[in-house]
């Protein structure tokens, strides 16, 4: 049974790694991944109006959540985390 459990954990880890997509080359990203969960936050470049696009992903046990992207005002972050430079 112990050997079977190791095979299952290895398979779940491999699936999770293969499902993780690469961020755009111009994005600054921060993230953490473990077999039990993790996520990634990527920020695009700041445009001339002071806005940038932030995309976040997450997951647990090899299953990823859909990517969520939204616009952030770099001049008024409020409760948002600071911009992640590429």
Protein backbone atom coordinates (compact mmCIF):
# COMPACT_ATOMS: atom_id res chain seq x y z
CA UNK A 1 0.00 0.00 0.00
CA UNK A 2 2.87 2.36 0.78
CA UNK A 3 4.35 1.84 -2.69
CA UNK A 4 0.95 2.54 -4.30
CA UNK A 5 0.67 5.81 -2.37
CA UNK A 6 4.08 6.91 -3.63
CA UNK A 7 3.06 6.15 -7.21
CA UNK A 8 -0.15 8.19 -6.83
CA UNK A 9 1.69 11.19 -5.35
CA UNK A 10 4.29 11.04 -8.12
CA UNK A 11 1.59 10.90 -10.80
CA UNK A 12 -0.32 13.84 -9.30
CA UNK A 13 2.89 15.88 -9.11
CA UNK A 14 3.76 15.12 -12.74
CA UNK A 15 0.28 16.09 -13.90
CA UNK A 16 0.42 19.34 -11.92
CA UNK A 17 3.77 20.30 -13.40
CA UNK A 18 2.61 19.57 -16.94
CA UNK A 19 -0.53 21.69 -16.53
CA UNK A 20 1.37 24.76 -15.35
CA UNK A 21 1.64 27.26 -18.19
CA UNK A 22 4.53 29.64 -18.74
CA UNK A 23 3.91 33.36 -18.23
CA UNK A 24 4.39 35.87 -21.05
CA UNK A 25 8.06 36.77 -21.61
CA UNK A 26 7.47 40.44 -20.70
CA UNK A 27 5.75 39.70 -17.39
CA UNK A 28 7.23 39.94 -13.91
CA UNK A 29 6.09 36.93 -11.88
CA UNK A 30 6.14 35.64 -8.35
CA UNK A 31 4.97 32.22 -7.36
CA UNK A 32 5.30 29.12 -5.25
CA UNK A 33 4.45 25.59 -6.20
CA UNK A 34 4.23 22.50 -3.99
CA UNK A 35 2.38 19.20 -4.53
CA UNK A 36 -0.31 20.46 -2.11
CA UNK A 37 -1.00 23.79 -3.75
CA UNK A 38 0.46 27.03 -4.93
CA UNK A 39 -0.07 29.80 -7.38
CA UNK A 40 1.50 32.50 -9.45
CA UNK A 41 0.97 36.24 -9.90
CA UNK A 42 2.25 37.92 -13.06
CA UNK A 43 2.19 41.65 -13.82
CA UNK A 44 2.44 43.13 -17.30
CA UNK A 45 4.18 46.40 -18.17
CA UNK A 46 2.74 49.70 -16.91
CA UNK A 47 1.06 51.59 -19.75
CA UNK A 48 1.12 55.36 -20.37
CA UNK A 49 -2.05 55.83 -18.27
CA UNK A 50 -0.48 54.15 -15.22
CA UNK A 51 -2.35 50.83 -15.46
CA UNK A 52 -1.04 47.28 -15.78
CA UNK A 53 -2.62 43.87 -16.20
CA UNK A 54 -2.27 41.39 -13.30
CA UNK A 55 -2.96 37.68 -13.81
CA UNK A 56 -3.24 35.17 -10.98
CA UNK A 57 -3.45 31.39 -10.93
CA UNK A 58 -3.68 28.87 -8.13
CA UNK A 59 -4.13 25.20 -7.57
CA UNK A 60 -4.06 22.25 -5.24
CA UNK A 61 -3.16 18.59 -5.71
CA UNK A 62 -2.35 19.09 -9.39
CA UNK A 63 -5.60 20.86 -10.31
CA UNK A 64 -5.20 24.47 -11.45
CA UNK A 65 -7.79 27.20 -11.13
CA UNK A 66 -8.57 29.23 -14.27
CA UNK A 67 -6.32 32.22 -14.79
CA UNK A 68 -7.87 35.46 -13.55
CA UNK A 69 -6.66 38.72 -15.11
CA UNK A 70 -7.64 42.25 -14.20
CA UNK A 71 -6.43 45.87 -14.57
CA UNK A 72 -4.61 47.56 -11.67
CA UNK A 73 -3.93 51.29 -11.25
CA UNK A 74 -0.21 51.61 -10.41
CA UNK A 75 -0.83 55.08 -8.94
CA UNK A 76 -3.56 53.90 -6.56
CA UNK A 77 -2.86 50.32 -5.45
CA UNK A 78 -5.15 50.43 -2.40
CA UNK A 79 -4.97 46.97 -0.81
CA UNK A 80 -3.21 45.42 -3.82
CA UNK A 81 0.37 44.17 -3.69
CA UNK A 82 3.07 46.31 -5.39
CA UNK A 83 3.84 45.91 -9.09
CA UNK A 84 6.18 43.00 -9.91
CA UNK A 85 8.83 44.23 -12.32
CA UNK A 86 9.82 41.97 -15.26
